[in-house]
Amino acid sequence: MTISIDPDVGEMQSEATDMNLRLPASMSNAMSTSFQGLQEVYSPDDPGKGVQVNLQGRFQSPLMATRNAAGQIVIQHPPAHP
């Protein structure tokens, strides 16, 4: 969970801005849908019965909750970053 704190007053920000909707670098890989570098590996447990792919933390879809100017909580997926 990430909460944006206003550094001037030390309180949680009530409105989302473009600045605090950016994903931290640690989560940028989670939003990636690139298949580059992924490899299929035949199932070692049951040969001929399946293929495994380690997604390396990609293809996740985190949710963000923000409070709008009217005080309503808005839950959304953050914008994708290339």
C-alpha atoms as a PDB file:
ATOM      1  CA  MET A   1       0.000   0.000   0.000  1.00  0.00           C
ATOM      2  CA  THR A   2       1.284   3.454  -0.856  1.00  0.00           C
ATOM      3  CA  ILE A   3      -0.098   6.628   0.703  1.00  0.00           C
ATOM      4  CA  SER A   4       0.896  10.109  -0.473  1.00  0.00           C
ATOM      5  CA  ILE A   5       1.786  12.466   2.377  1.00  0.00           C
ATOM      6  CA  ASP A   6       1.968  16.224   1.878  1.00  0.00           C
ATOM      7  CA  PRO A   7       5.543  17.037   2.967  1.00  0.00           C
ATOM      8  CA  ASP A   8       4.603  20.588   4.015  1.00  0.00           C
ATOM      9  CA  VAL A   9       1.969  19.620   6.576  1.00  0.00           C
ATOM     10  CA  GLY A  10       2.705  15.922   7.145  1.00  0.00           C
ATOM     11  CA  GLU A  11      -0.854  14.824   6.371  1.00  0.00           C
ATOM     12  CA  MET A  12      -2.306  12.424   3.839  1.00  0.00           C
ATOM     13  CA  GLN A  13      -3.137  14.204   0.592  1.00  0.00           C
ATOM     14  CA  SER A  14      -6.872  14.346  -0.033  1.00  0.00           C
ATOM     15  CA  GLU A  15      -6.686  14.637  -3.822  1.00  0.00           C
ATOM     16  CA  ALA A  16      -4.655  12.691  -6.305  1.00  0.00           C
ATOM     17  CA  THR A  17      -2.392  14.620  -8.601  1.00  0.00           C
ATOM     18  CA  ASP A  18      -0.458  13.438 -11.622  1.00  0.00           C
ATOM     19  CA  MET A  19       2.642  13.564  -9.461  1.00  0.00           C
ATOM     20  CA  ASN A  20       1.433  11.167  -6.765  1.00  0.00           C
ATOM     21  CA  LEU A  21      -0.275   8.769  -9.205  1.00  0.00           C
ATOM     22  CA  ARG A  22       3.053   7.769 -10.712  1.00  0.00           C
ATOM     23  CA  LEU A  23       4.105   4.285  -9.796  1.00  0.00           C
ATOM     24  CA  PRO A  24       7.298   3.898  -7.824  1.00  0.00           C
ATOM     25  CA  ALA A  25      10.177   2.343  -9.764  1.00  0.00           C
ATOM     26  CA  SER A  26       9.757  -0.845  -7.736  1.00  0.00           C
ATOM     27  CA  MET A  27       6.312  -1.350  -9.310  1.00  0.00           C
ATOM     28  CA  SER A  28       7.060  -0.311 -12.894  1.00  0.00           C
ATOM     29  CA  ASN A  29       7.963  -3.884 -13.859  1.00  0.00           C
ATOM     30  CA  ALA A  30       4.633  -5.100 -12.462  1.00  0.00           C
ATOM     31  CA  MET A  31       2.719  -3.111 -15.084  1.00  0.00           C
ATOM     32  CA  SER A  32       4.843  -4.413 -17.976  1.00  0.00           C
ATOM     33  CA  THR A  33       3.163  -6.681 -20.516  1.00  0.00           C
ATOM     34  CA  SER A  34       6.356  -7.283 -22.467  1.00  0.00           C
ATOM     35  CA  PHE A  35       7.111 -10.874 -23.364  1.00  0.00           C
ATOM     36  CA  GLN A  36      10.763 -10.054 -24.136  1.00  0.00           C
ATOM     37  CA  GLY A  37      13.112 -12.399 -22.315  1.00  0.00           C
ATOM     38  CA  LEU A  38      10.403 -14.775 -21.084  1.00  0.00           C
ATOM     39  CA  GLN A  39      11.082 -18.441 -21.749  1.00  0.00           C
ATOM     40  CA  GLU A  40       8.865 -21.489 -21.903  1.00  0.00           C
ATOM     41  CA  VAL A  41      10.073 -24.393 -19.781  1.00  0.00           C
ATOM     42  CA  TYR A  42       8.561 -27.846 -20.098  1.00  0.00           C
ATOM     43  CA  SER A  43       7.071 -29.049 -16.849  1.00  0.00           C
ATOM     44  CA  PRO A  44       9.755 -30.978 -14.938  1.00  0.00           C
ATOM     45  CA  ASP A  45       7.100 -32.744 -12.844  1.00  0.00           C
ATOM     46  CA  ASP A  46       5.225 -34.299 -15.726  1.00  0.00           C
ATOM     47  CA  PRO A  47       7.104 -34.232 -19.052  1.00  0.00           C
ATOM     48  CA  GLY A  48       4.886 -33.692 -22.082  1.00  0.00           C
ATOM     49  CA  LYS A  49       1.998 -32.416 -19.962  1.00  0.00           C
ATOM     50  CA  GLY A  50       2.567 -28.683 -19.854  1.00  0.00           C
ATOM     51  CA  VAL A  51       4.735 -25.650 -20.182  1.00  0.00           C
ATOM     52  CA  GLN A  52       5.672 -23.131 -17.483  1.00  0.00           C
ATOM     53  CA  VAL A  53       6.599 -19.469 -17.947  1.00  0.00           C
ATOM     54  CA  ASN A  54       8.138 -17.393 -15.163  1.00  0.00           C
ATOM     55  CA  LEU A  55       6.522 -13.973 -15.694  1.00  0.00           C
ATOM     56  CA  GLN A  56       9.298 -12.255 -13.708  1.00  0.00           C
ATOM     57  CA  GLY A  57       6.831 -10.049 -11.826  1.00  0.00           C
ATOM     58  CA  ARG A  58       5.127  -8.726 -14.969  1.00  0.00           C
ATOM     59  CA  PHE A  59       1.459  -8.701 -16.025  1.00  0.00           C
ATOM     60  CA  GLN A  60       0.118  -7.442 -12.692  1.00  0.00           C
ATOM     61  CA  SER A  61      -2.762  -5.013 -12.411  1.00  0.00           C
ATOM     62  CA  PRO A  62      -2.567  -3.043  -9.142  1.00  0.00           C
ATOM     63  CA  LEU A  63      -5.437  -0.847  -7.938  1.00  0.00           C
ATOM     64  CA  MET A  64      -5.187   2.685  -6.517  1.00  0.00           C
ATOM     65  CA  ALA A  65      -7.666   4.318  -4.194  1.00  0.00           C
ATOM     66  CA  THR A  66      -7.840   8.109  -4.069  1.00  0.00           C
ATOM     67  CA  ARG A  67     -10.269  10.603  -2.600  1.00  0.00           C
ATOM     68  CA  ASN A  68     -11.679  13.166  -5.051  1.00  0.00           C
ATOM     69  CA  ALA A  69     -12.625  16.802  -4.312  1.00  0.00           C
ATOM     70  CA  ALA A  70     -16.141  15.717  -3.305  1.00  0.00           C
ATOM     71  CA  GLY A  71     -14.690  13.377  -0.683  1.00  0.00           C
ATOM     72  CA  GLN A  72     -15.619  10.205  -2.573  1.00  0.00           C
ATOM     73  CA  ILE A  73     -13.176   7.325  -2.769  1.00  0.00           C
ATOM     74  CA  VAL A  74     -12.275   6.445  -6.347  1.00  0.00           C
ATOM     75  CA  ILE A  75     -10.672   3.053  -7.068  1.00  0.00           C
ATOM     76  CA  GLN A  76      -8.903   2.645 -10.401  1.00  0.00           C
ATOM     77  CA  HIS A  77      -6.009   1.004 -12.170  1.00  0.00           C
ATOM     78  CA  PRO A  78      -3.123   3.452 -12.551  1.00  0.00           C
ATOM     79  CA  PRO A  79      -2.201   4.468 -16.090  1.00  0.00           C
ATOM     80  CA  ALA A  80       0.170   2.113 -17.875  1.00  0.00           C
ATOM     81  CA  HIS A  81       3.756   3.262 -18.227  1.00  0.00           C
ATOM     82  CA  PRO A  82       5.865   2.101 -21.162  1.00  0.00           C
END
